[in-house]
Amino acid sequence: MIIGRDRRTRRFFTLDWGRYLEHVASFSLPEEKRFRQVHDGHCTYMQPGEEAFVTPEAIHGTCVAGTPEEIAHQLTQMERNGLTGISLLPPAESQRKVFRDFAEMVMPLMR
């Protein structure tokens, strides 16, 4: 595993990339099976220690987040760049609220 920045590492992860790779290297499974631990809890919860890597820059670099107006603006920009669909992946306990809020507060701004 290479510690450092390679050309695939997004700029919002570069400051913590080495620390993140060290974090992953500490997992209990052998390297070829660590993907299981990396994705444990994916889209539902964070593993202990992961919160250190969830920075505002990482959130805005990998998610559509913000006020309804900010989200509509982000989606409009992405649509101009070729986006044709999205997936909403809120935690299970808040799915209904997120879907309702998106439908009522963001979608009307997209028309």
N, C-alpha and C. Protein backbone atom coordinates (compact mmCIF):
# COMPACT_ATOMS: atom_id res chain seq x y z
N MET A 1 0.85 -1.18 0.00
CA MET A 1 0.00 0.00 0.00
C MET A 1 0.89 1.24 0.00
N ILE A 2 0.63 2.17 -0.86
CA ILE A 2 1.42 3.39 -0.97
C ILE A 2 0.89 4.42 0.02
N ILE A 3 1.76 4.94 0.86
CA ILE A 3 1.38 6.02 1.78
C ILE A 3 1.75 7.33 1.09
N GLY A 4 0.80 8.21 0.96
CA GLY A 4 1.05 9.49 0.31
C GLY A 4 -0.02 9.76 -0.71
N ARG A 5 0.22 10.75 -1.52
CA ARG A 5 -0.80 11.16 -2.49
C ARG A 5 -0.47 10.59 -3.85
N ASP A 6 -1.41 9.90 -4.45
CA ASP A 6 -1.24 9.52 -5.84
C ASP A 6 -2.25 10.33 -6.65
N ARG A 7 -2.21 10.17 -7.94
CA ARG A 7 -3.04 11.02 -8.80
C ARG A 7 -4.53 10.79 -8.63
N ARG A 8 -4.93 9.69 -7.99
CA ARG A 8 -6.35 9.42 -7.79
C ARG A 8 -6.89 10.02 -6.51
N THR A 9 -6.04 10.47 -5.62
CA THR A 9 -6.48 11.02 -4.34
C THR A 9 -7.04 12.42 -4.57
N ARG A 10 -8.27 12.62 -4.18
CA ARG A 10 -8.91 13.92 -4.34
C ARG A 10 -8.27 14.95 -3.42
N ARG A 11 -8.25 16.20 -3.84
CA ARG A 11 -7.57 17.25 -3.09
C ARG A 11 -8.11 17.42 -1.68
N PHE A 12 -9.39 17.15 -1.46
CA PHE A 12 -9.97 17.33 -0.13
C PHE A 12 -9.54 16.22 0.83
N PHE A 13 -8.86 15.19 0.34
CA PHE A 13 -8.35 14.13 1.21
C PHE A 13 -6.84 14.18 1.39
N THR A 14 -6.15 15.02 0.65
CA THR A 14 -4.68 14.95 0.63
C THR A 14 -4.04 15.19 1.99
N LEU A 15 -4.57 16.09 2.81
CA LEU A 15 -3.95 16.39 4.09
C LEU A 15 -4.00 15.20 5.04
N ASP A 16 -5.07 14.41 4.96
CA ASP A 16 -5.26 13.29 5.87
C ASP A 16 -5.03 11.93 5.22
N TRP A 17 -4.63 11.91 3.96
CA TRP A 17 -4.55 10.64 3.24
C TRP A 17 -3.58 9.66 3.89
N GLY A 18 -2.40 10.11 4.26
CA GLY A 18 -1.43 9.24 4.91
C GLY A 18 -1.96 8.70 6.23
N ARG A 19 -2.58 9.55 7.02
CA ARG A 19 -3.18 9.10 8.29
C ARG A 19 -4.30 8.10 8.04
N TYR A 20 -5.09 8.32 7.00
CA TYR A 20 -6.18 7.39 6.69
C TYR A 20 -5.62 6.03 6.29
N LEU A 21 -4.59 6.02 5.46
CA LEU A 21 -3.99 4.75 5.05
C LEU A 21 -3.39 4.02 6.26
N GLU A 22 -2.82 4.76 7.19
CA GLU A 22 -2.32 4.14 8.42
C GLU A 22 -3.48 3.54 9.23
N HIS A 23 -4.59 4.27 9.27
CA HIS A 23 -5.80 3.79 9.96
C HIS A 23 -6.26 2.46 9.34
N VAL A 24 -6.33 2.42 8.02
CA VAL A 24 -6.76 1.21 7.32
C VAL A 24 -5.76 0.08 7.55
N ALA A 25 -4.49 0.40 7.57
CA ALA A 25 -3.46 -0.64 7.79
C ALA A 25 -3.58 -1.27 9.18
N SER A 26 -4.22 -0.57 10.11
CA SER A 26 -4.37 -1.11 11.46
C SER A 26 -5.55 -2.08 11.58
N PHE A 27 -6.34 -2.25 10.52
CA PHE A 27 -7.47 -3.17 10.56
C PHE A 27 -6.98 -4.60 10.78
N SER A 28 -7.85 -5.42 11.32
CA SER A 28 -7.46 -6.78 11.70
C SER A 28 -7.35 -7.76 10.53
N LEU A 29 -8.04 -7.50 9.43
CA LEU A 29 -7.99 -8.43 8.31
C LEU A 29 -6.72 -8.23 7.49
N PRO A 30 -6.27 -9.27 6.77
CA PRO A 30 -5.11 -9.10 5.88
C PRO A 30 -5.43 -8.07 4.80
N GLU A 31 -4.40 -7.48 4.25
CA GLU A 31 -4.57 -6.37 3.29
C GLU A 31 -5.54 -6.71 2.16
N GLU A 32 -5.45 -7.91 1.60
CA GLU A 32 -6.31 -8.26 0.46
C GLU A 32 -7.78 -8.42 0.85
N LYS A 33 -8.08 -8.43 2.15
CA LYS A 33 -9.48 -8.57 2.60
C LYS A 33 -9.97 -7.34 3.35
N ARG A 34 -9.14 -6.32 3.46
CA ARG A 34 -9.51 -5.13 4.24
C ARG A 34 -10.68 -4.35 3.66
N PHE A 35 -10.94 -4.54 2.37
CA PHE A 35 -12.07 -3.84 1.77
C PHE A 35 -13.34 -4.10 2.56
N ARG A 36 -13.44 -5.28 3.16
CA ARG A 36 -14.63 -5.60 3.96
C ARG A 36 -14.75 -4.67 5.16
N GLN A 37 -13.62 -4.39 5.81
CA GLN A 37 -13.65 -3.49 6.96
C GLN A 37 -13.79 -2.04 6.53
N VAL A 38 -13.18 -1.68 5.41
CA VAL A 38 -13.31 -0.31 4.91
C VAL A 38 -14.77 0.02 4.66
N HIS A 39 -15.52 -0.94 4.13
CA HIS A 39 -16.93 -0.70 3.77
C HIS A 39 -17.92 -1.12 4.85
N ASP A 40 -17.43 -1.61 5.97
CA ASP A 40 -18.33 -1.98 7.07
C ASP A 40 -19.06 -0.72 7.54
N GLY A 41 -20.36 -0.78 7.57
CA GLY A 41 -21.15 0.37 7.98
C GLY A 41 -21.42 1.36 6.87
N HIS A 42 -20.97 1.08 5.67
CA HIS A 42 -21.09 2.00 4.54
C HIS A 42 -22.51 2.56 4.43
N CYS A 43 -22.61 3.85 4.46
CA CYS A 43 -23.87 4.59 4.31
C CYS A 43 -24.82 4.41 5.50
N THR A 44 -24.36 3.79 6.59
CA THR A 44 -25.24 3.64 7.73
C THR A 44 -24.61 4.13 9.03
N TYR A 45 -23.33 3.90 9.22
CA TYR A 45 -22.66 4.37 10.44
C TYR A 45 -21.15 4.46 10.18
N MET A 46 -20.46 5.19 11.04
CA MET A 46 -19.01 5.29 10.95
C MET A 46 -18.37 4.31 11.92
N GLN A 47 -17.28 3.76 11.50
CA GLN A 47 -16.50 2.90 12.38
C GLN A 47 -15.72 3.77 13.36
N PRO A 48 -15.38 3.22 14.53
CA PRO A 48 -14.56 4.00 15.47
C PRO A 48 -13.29 4.50 14.80
N GLY A 49 -13.00 5.77 15.00
CA GLY A 49 -11.80 6.38 14.43
C GLY A 49 -12.02 7.07 13.10
N GLU A 50 -13.11 6.76 12.39
CA GLU A 50 -13.34 7.36 11.08
C GLU A 50 -13.74 8.84 11.15
N GLU A 51 -14.34 9.24 12.26
CA GLU A 51 -14.83 10.62 12.35
C GLU A 51 -13.70 11.63 12.14
N ALA A 52 -12.47 11.26 12.42
CA ALA A 52 -11.34 12.18 12.22
C ALA A 52 -11.14 12.53 10.75
N PHE A 53 -11.64 11.69 9.85
CA PHE A 53 -11.43 11.90 8.42
C PHE A 53 -12.64 12.52 7.72
N VAL A 54 -13.72 12.72 8.45
CA VAL A 54 -14.93 13.31 7.86
C VAL A 54 -14.89 14.81 8.15
N THR A 55 -14.20 15.51 7.29
CA THR A 55 -14.02 16.96 7.43
C THR A 55 -15.06 17.69 6.58
N PRO A 56 -15.28 18.97 6.86
CA PRO A 56 -16.19 19.73 5.99
C PRO A 56 -15.75 19.68 4.52
N GLU A 57 -14.44 19.71 4.26
CA GLU A 57 -13.95 19.64 2.88
C GLU A 57 -14.29 18.30 2.23
N ALA A 58 -14.14 17.22 2.99
CA ALA A 58 -14.47 15.90 2.46
C ALA A 58 -15.97 15.78 2.19
N ILE A 59 -16.78 16.30 3.09
CA ILE A 59 -18.24 16.24 2.90
C ILE A 59 -18.63 17.00 1.64
N HIS A 60 -18.13 18.22 1.48
CA HIS A 60 -18.51 19.01 0.31
C HIS A 60 -17.87 18.48 -0.97
N GLY A 61 -16.77 17.74 -0.85
CA GLY A 61 -16.14 17.17 -2.03
C GLY A 61 -16.77 15.88 -2.50
N THR A 62 -17.50 15.20 -1.62
CA THR A 62 -18.05 13.89 -1.98
C THR A 62 -19.57 13.81 -1.87
N CYS A 63 -20.19 14.82 -1.32
CA CYS A 63 -21.64 14.78 -1.08
C CYS A 63 -22.31 16.03 -1.64
N VAL A 64 -23.59 15.93 -1.84
CA VAL A 64 -24.40 17.10 -2.11
C VAL A 64 -24.98 17.48 -0.76
N ALA A 65 -24.56 18.63 -0.24
CA ALA A 65 -24.96 19.02 1.11
C ALA A 65 -25.13 20.52 1.18
N GLY A 66 -25.99 20.96 2.10
CA GLY A 66 -26.19 22.39 2.31
C GLY A 66 -27.65 22.72 2.47
N THR A 67 -27.95 23.99 2.29
CA THR A 67 -29.34 24.44 2.33
C THR A 67 -30.04 23.95 1.06
N PRO A 68 -31.37 23.97 1.03
CA PRO A 68 -32.06 23.57 -0.20
C PRO A 68 -31.56 24.36 -1.42
N GLU A 69 -31.31 25.64 -1.25
CA GLU A 69 -30.82 26.46 -2.37
C GLU A 69 -29.43 26.02 -2.81
N GLU A 70 -28.57 25.72 -1.84
CA GLU A 70 -27.22 25.28 -2.17
C GLU A 70 -27.24 23.92 -2.87
N ILE A 71 -28.08 23.03 -2.40
CA ILE A 71 -28.20 21.70 -3.01
C ILE A 71 -28.73 21.83 -4.43
N ALA A 72 -29.75 22.64 -4.64
CA ALA A 72 -30.29 22.85 -5.99
C ALA A 72 -29.23 23.42 -6.91
N HIS A 73 -28.43 24.36 -6.41
CA HIS A 73 -27.35 24.94 -7.22
C HIS A 73 -26.31 23.87 -7.58
N GLN A 74 -25.91 23.07 -6.59
CA GLN A 74 -24.93 22.01 -6.85
C GLN A 74 -25.45 21.04 -7.91
N LEU A 75 -26.70 20.63 -7.77
CA LEU A 75 -27.28 19.68 -8.73
C LEU A 75 -27.40 20.29 -10.12
N THR A 76 -27.75 21.56 -10.19
CA THR A 76 -27.84 22.24 -11.48
C THR A 76 -26.48 22.26 -12.16
N GLN A 77 -25.43 22.58 -11.40
CA GLN A 77 -24.07 22.59 -11.96
C GLN A 77 -23.68 21.18 -12.42
N MET A 78 -24.01 20.19 -11.63
CA MET A 78 -23.67 18.81 -11.99
C MET A 78 -24.45 18.36 -13.23
N GLU A 79 -25.69 18.80 -13.32
CA GLU A 79 -26.50 18.46 -14.49
C GLU A 79 -25.89 19.09 -15.75
N ARG A 80 -25.42 20.31 -15.64
CA ARG A 80 -24.76 20.97 -16.78
C ARG A 80 -23.51 20.22 -17.21
N ASN A 81 -22.90 19.51 -16.26
CA ASN A 81 -21.70 18.73 -16.55
C ASN A 81 -22.01 17.29 -16.95
N GLY A 82 -23.29 16.97 -17.12
CA GLY A 82 -23.67 15.65 -17.62
C GLY A 82 -24.38 14.73 -16.65
N LEU A 83 -24.59 15.15 -15.42
CA LEU A 83 -25.31 14.31 -14.46
C LEU A 83 -26.72 14.04 -14.96
N THR A 84 -27.13 12.77 -14.88
CA THR A 84 -28.49 12.43 -15.31
C THR A 84 -29.31 11.80 -14.20
N GLY A 85 -28.73 11.55 -13.04
CA GLY A 85 -29.48 10.97 -11.93
C GLY A 85 -28.66 11.00 -10.66
N ILE A 86 -29.33 10.86 -9.53
CA ILE A 86 -28.65 10.82 -8.24
C ILE A 86 -29.28 9.72 -7.38
N SER A 87 -28.57 9.34 -6.34
CA SER A 87 -29.10 8.43 -5.33
C SER A 87 -29.01 9.12 -3.99
N LEU A 88 -30.08 9.12 -3.26
CA LEU A 88 -30.06 9.65 -1.90
C LEU A 88 -29.83 8.48 -0.95
N LEU A 89 -28.83 8.60 -0.08
CA LEU A 89 -28.50 7.51 0.85
C LEU A 89 -28.45 8.00 2.29
N PRO A 90 -29.58 8.45 2.82
CA PRO A 90 -29.59 8.89 4.22
C PRO A 90 -29.59 7.69 5.17
N PRO A 91 -29.19 7.92 6.42
CA PRO A 91 -29.28 6.84 7.40
C PRO A 91 -30.74 6.36 7.51
N ALA A 92 -30.90 5.08 7.81
CA ALA A 92 -32.24 4.48 7.84
C ALA A 92 -33.21 5.24 8.75
N GLU A 93 -32.74 5.69 9.90
CA GLU A 93 -33.64 6.34 10.85
C GLU A 93 -34.15 7.70 10.37
N SER A 94 -33.52 8.28 9.36
CA SER A 94 -33.98 9.59 8.88
C SER A 94 -34.40 9.57 7.41
N GLN A 95 -34.52 8.40 6.81
CA GLN A 95 -34.84 8.33 5.38
C GLN A 95 -36.13 9.05 5.01
N ARG A 96 -37.21 8.78 5.72
CA ARG A 96 -38.49 9.40 5.36
C ARG A 96 -38.41 10.92 5.40
N LYS A 97 -37.77 11.46 6.44
CA LYS A 97 -37.65 12.91 6.56
C LYS A 97 -36.78 13.48 5.43
N VAL A 98 -35.66 12.84 5.14
CA VAL A 98 -34.77 13.33 4.08
C VAL A 98 -35.48 13.29 2.74
N PHE A 99 -36.14 12.18 2.43
CA PHE A 99 -36.85 12.08 1.15
C PHE A 99 -37.95 13.13 1.04
N ARG A 100 -38.69 13.34 2.13
CA ARG A 100 -39.76 14.34 2.13
C ARG A 100 -39.17 15.74 1.97
N ASP A 101 -38.14 16.05 2.76
CA ASP A 101 -37.51 17.37 2.66
C ASP A 101 -36.97 17.62 1.26
N PHE A 102 -36.34 16.61 0.67
CA PHE A 102 -35.79 16.77 -0.68
C PHE A 102 -36.91 17.05 -1.67
N ALA A 103 -37.98 16.27 -1.58
CA ALA A 103 -39.11 16.45 -2.50
C ALA A 103 -39.79 17.80 -2.33
N GLU A 104 -39.92 18.26 -1.09
CA GLU A 104 -40.66 19.49 -0.81
C GLU A 104 -39.81 20.74 -0.91
N MET A 105 -38.53 20.63 -0.59
CA MET A 105 -37.71 21.86 -0.51
C MET A 105 -36.68 22.00 -1.63
N VAL A 106 -36.20 20.91 -2.20
CA VAL A 106 -35.17 21.00 -3.24
C VAL A 106 -35.78 20.87 -4.63
N MET A 107 -36.60 19.86 -4.83
CA MET A 107 -37.15 19.63 -6.17
C MET A 107 -37.89 20.83 -6.76
N PRO A 108 -38.68 21.58 -5.96
CA PRO A 108 -39.32 22.75 -6.55
C PRO A 108 -38.32 23.79 -7.08
N LEU A 109 -37.13 23.82 -6.52
CA LEU A 109 -36.11 24.76 -6.97
C LEU A 109 -35.44 24.30 -8.26
N MET A 110 -35.65 23.06 -8.63
CA MET A 110 -35.02 22.48 -9.82
C MET A 110 -35.86 22.69 -11.07
N ARG A 111 -37.06 23.17 -10.92
CA ARG A 111 -37.96 23.31 -12.08
C ARG A 111 -37.64 24.55 -12.88
